[in-house]
Amino acid sequence: NFLNDIGYVFYSTDNDLAADTLYRKTIKLNIKAKKDSSLAVASALNGLGLLKMRKSKYQLADSLFNRSLDIYRYHFSNLHPSIGVVLLNKSQLSMKRKEVNDALSLINQALDNYTPFHRNDHPIIGDMLYQKGSILTMKGDFTNAVKFLSDALKIYSDDSEFHHQKIRKINIQLRSIENIRR
């Protein structure tokens, strides 16, 4: 998983080529070791899905996310935080495809999988609340959208050193909702 962790750092800093290389190396090494359904492979597939989603290769991203979910579900019950993270990514993919109802269903499943295992102020829960608030905004459910966006903003504000962009985007979204409501 060390290669996956470094791959995610590269992904987060927009170094897609290095991230892609590390994710693929993880898969290759695990297949060579006859562990092609290992958790490291599931994580690498999820990372590759993020890369493909960033490049608007949505069908390939969805396939990679689904393969990742299959492996996680093979190893765990249907309730696990790693499953929640992949479902969050699938929800974001559905939003990019303008499949708002699917996105909402997926983010609800993601929250159900992730929240029992982590504290309520965990940054990934912030990401999930932000995603749900964004979906509800698109659906025109502004009252609930504001609640979820505000909850995400609180989580990010408590650790603002790492979440400046997200704080800025949520504040813009909240102002936009306020303007629509007037």
Protein backbone atom coordinates (compact mmCIF):
# COMPACT_ATOMS: atom_id res chain seq x y z
CA ASN A 1 0.00 0.00 0.00
CA PHE A 2 3.01 2.28 0.31
CA LEU A 3 3.09 2.76 -3.47
CA ASN A 4 -0.63 3.61 -3.42
CA ASP A 5 -0.08 6.20 -0.70
CA ILE A 6 2.67 7.87 -2.70
CA GLY A 7 0.52 7.57 -5.83
CA TYR A 8 -2.27 9.45 -4.05
CA VAL A 9 0.15 12.19 -3.04
CA PHE A 10 1.13 12.55 -6.69
CA TYR A 11 -2.55 12.52 -7.73
CA SER A 12 -3.33 15.22 -5.14
CA THR A 13 -0.53 17.42 -6.46
CA ASP A 14 -1.65 16.95 -10.10
CA ASN A 15 1.31 14.77 -11.04
CA ASP A 16 -0.88 12.31 -12.93
CA LEU A 17 1.90 10.50 -14.77
CA ALA A 18 3.73 9.59 -11.55
CA ALA A 19 0.46 8.58 -9.86
CA ASP A 20 -0.55 6.41 -12.81
CA THR A 21 2.87 4.73 -12.81
CA LEU A 22 2.71 3.90 -9.10
CA TYR A 23 -0.87 2.61 -9.23
CA ARG A 24 -0.04 0.37 -12.19
CA LYS A 25 3.14 -0.85 -10.48
CA THR A 26 1.10 -1.81 -7.41
CA ILE A 27 -1.26 -3.87 -9.56
CA LYS A 28 1.58 -5.47 -11.50
CA LEU A 29 3.49 -6.46 -8.34
CA ASN A 30 0.38 -7.93 -6.73
CA ILE A 31 -0.52 -9.92 -9.84
CA LYS A 32 3.04 -11.22 -9.97
CA ALA A 33 2.68 -12.30 -6.33
CA LYS A 34 -0.64 -13.99 -7.20
CA LYS A 35 -2.56 -11.46 -5.14
CA ASP A 36 -4.61 -9.93 -7.94
CA SER A 37 -7.60 -9.45 -5.62
CA SER A 38 -5.64 -7.87 -2.79
CA LEU A 39 -6.69 -4.72 -0.98
CA ALA A 40 -3.68 -2.94 -2.50
CA VAL A 41 -5.04 -3.72 -5.97
CA ALA A 42 -8.48 -2.40 -4.96
CA SER A 43 -6.88 0.82 -3.75
CA ALA A 44 -4.79 1.17 -6.93
CA LEU A 45 -7.87 0.59 -9.13
CA ASN A 46 -9.67 3.34 -7.22
CA GLY A 47 -6.69 5.65 -7.77
CA LEU A 48 -6.63 4.87 -11.48
CA GLY A 49 -10.36 5.59 -11.57
CA LEU A 50 -9.72 9.04 -10.11
CA LEU A 51 -7.11 9.70 -12.77
CA LYS A 52 -9.44 8.60 -15.58
CA MET A 53 -12.28 10.70 -14.16
CA ARG A 54 -9.98 13.74 -14.11
CA LYS A 55 -9.29 13.13 -17.83
CA SER A 56 -13.03 12.81 -18.57
CA LYS A 57 -12.71 9.12 -19.42
CA TYR A 58 -15.88 8.42 -17.49
CA GLN A 59 -16.70 4.93 -18.73
CA LEU A 60 -13.20 3.69 -17.92
CA ALA A 61 -13.28 5.42 -14.53
CA ASP A 62 -16.59 3.74 -13.71
CA SER A 63 -15.20 0.35 -14.70
CA LEU A 64 -12.15 0.85 -12.47
CA PHE A 65 -14.29 1.98 -9.53
CA ASN A 66 -16.54 -1.07 -9.99
CA ARG A 67 -13.57 -3.45 -10.04
CA SER A 68 -12.27 -1.78 -6.89
CA LEU A 69 -15.66 -2.19 -5.19
CA ASP A 70 -15.82 -5.86 -6.20
CA ILE A 71 -12.49 -6.54 -4.49
CA TYR A 72 -13.37 -4.58 -1.36
CA ARG A 73 -16.71 -6.36 -1.11
CA TYR A 74 -14.98 -9.71 -1.55
CA HIS A 75 -12.80 -8.99 1.50
CA PHE A 76 -15.22 -7.05 3.67
CA SER A 77 -18.89 -6.97 4.47
CA ASN A 78 -20.92 -4.48 2.51
CA LEU A 79 -20.18 -1.93 5.25
CA HIS A 80 -16.60 -0.67 5.26
CA PRO A 81 -14.92 2.77 5.00
CA SER A 82 -12.90 1.78 1.91
CA ILE A 83 -16.16 0.96 0.16
CA GLY A 84 -17.45 4.35 1.28
CA VAL A 85 -14.51 6.14 -0.34
CA VAL A 86 -15.04 4.40 -3.68
CA LEU A 87 -18.77 5.18 -3.51
CA LEU A 88 -17.89 8.85 -2.90
CA ASN A 89 -15.77 8.78 -6.05
CA LYS A 90 -18.57 7.09 -8.01
CA SER A 91 -20.95 9.80 -6.75
CA GLN A 92 -18.59 12.48 -8.03
CA LEU A 93 -18.42 10.65 -11.35
CA SER A 94 -22.22 10.56 -11.54
CA MET A 95 -22.30 14.32 -10.95
CA LYS A 96 -19.87 14.85 -13.80
CA ARG A 97 -22.23 12.78 -15.97
CA LYS A 98 -25.19 14.90 -14.75
CA GLU A 99 -26.76 11.79 -13.19
CA VAL A 100 -27.93 13.64 -10.10
CA ASN A 101 -30.25 10.97 -8.67
CA ASP A 102 -27.55 8.30 -9.00
CA ALA A 103 -25.06 10.67 -7.38
CA LEU A 104 -27.40 11.18 -4.42
CA SER A 105 -27.98 7.45 -3.98
CA LEU A 106 -24.23 6.77 -4.12
CA ILE A 107 -23.30 9.51 -1.63
CA ASN A 108 -25.93 8.21 0.80
CA GLN A 109 -24.40 4.74 0.51
CA ALA A 110 -20.92 6.25 0.95
CA LEU A 111 -21.97 7.98 4.17
CA ASP A 112 -23.60 4.77 5.45
CA ASN A 113 -20.33 2.90 4.81
CA TYR A 114 -17.92 5.49 6.15
CA THR A 115 -19.47 7.22 9.16
CA PRO A 116 -19.72 4.21 11.51
CA PHE A 117 -15.94 3.84 11.40
CA HIS A 118 -14.72 7.43 11.78
CA ARG A 119 -15.23 10.47 13.96
CA ASN A 120 -17.81 12.98 12.72
CA ASP A 121 -15.18 15.62 11.95
CA HIS A 122 -13.03 13.40 9.72
CA PRO A 123 -12.00 15.25 6.50
CA ILE A 124 -13.41 12.51 4.26
CA ILE A 125 -16.77 12.87 5.99
CA GLY A 126 -16.38 16.57 5.16
CA ASP A 127 -15.87 15.58 1.51
CA MET A 128 -19.00 13.43 1.62
CA LEU A 129 -21.10 16.15 3.24
CA TYR A 130 -19.80 18.66 0.67
CA GLN A 131 -20.73 16.25 -2.13
CA LYS A 132 -24.21 15.71 -0.71
CA GLY A 133 -24.72 19.45 -0.27
CA SER A 134 -23.66 20.04 -3.88
CA ILE A 135 -26.06 17.38 -5.13
CA LEU A 136 -28.93 18.82 -3.10
CA THR A 137 -28.12 22.26 -4.49
CA MET A 138 -28.43 20.87 -8.03
CA LYS A 139 -31.75 19.28 -7.06
CA GLY A 140 -33.01 22.63 -5.72
CA ASP A 141 -33.28 21.40 -2.12
CA PHE A 142 -31.55 24.49 -0.76
CA THR A 143 -32.55 24.09 2.90
CA ASN A 144 -30.89 20.68 3.20
CA ALA A 145 -28.03 21.71 0.91
CA VAL A 146 -27.13 24.57 3.26
CA LYS A 147 -27.15 22.17 6.22
CA PHE A 148 -24.75 19.71 4.58
CA LEU A 149 -22.51 22.43 3.13
CA SER A 150 -22.35 24.18 6.51
CA ASP A 151 -21.44 20.90 8.24
CA ALA A 152 -18.66 20.31 5.70
CA LEU A 153 -17.46 23.89 6.12
CA LYS A 154 -17.20 23.38 9.88
CA ILE A 155 -15.06 20.26 9.39
CA TYR A 156 -12.79 22.01 6.89
CA SER A 157 -12.54 25.17 9.00
CA ASP A 158 -11.30 23.17 11.98
CA ASP A 159 -8.39 22.04 9.79
CA SER A 160 -8.26 24.98 7.38
CA GLU A 161 -4.54 24.65 6.66
CA PHE A 162 -5.26 21.86 4.20
CA HIS A 163 -8.69 22.81 2.89
CA HIS A 164 -8.52 26.43 1.69
CA GLN A 165 -9.89 25.64 -1.78
CA LYS A 166 -12.79 23.63 -0.41
CA ILE A 167 -13.65 26.37 2.11
CA ARG A 168 -13.61 28.95 -0.68
CA LYS A 169 -15.80 26.81 -2.97
CA ILE A 170 -18.34 26.10 -0.22
CA ASN A 171 -18.56 29.78 0.70
CA ILE A 172 -19.19 30.62 -2.97
CA GLN A 173 -21.86 27.93 -3.16
CA LEU A 174 -23.54 29.16 0.04
CA ARG A 175 -23.59 32.75 -1.26
CA SER A 176 -25.07 31.53 -4.53
CA ILE A 177 -27.85 29.69 -2.66
CA GLU A 178 -28.47 32.81 -0.58
CA ASN A 179 -28.81 34.88 -3.77
CA ILE A 180 -31.22 32.35 -5.30
CA ARG A 181 -33.38 32.39 -2.17
CA ARG A 182 -33.78 36.19 -2.27
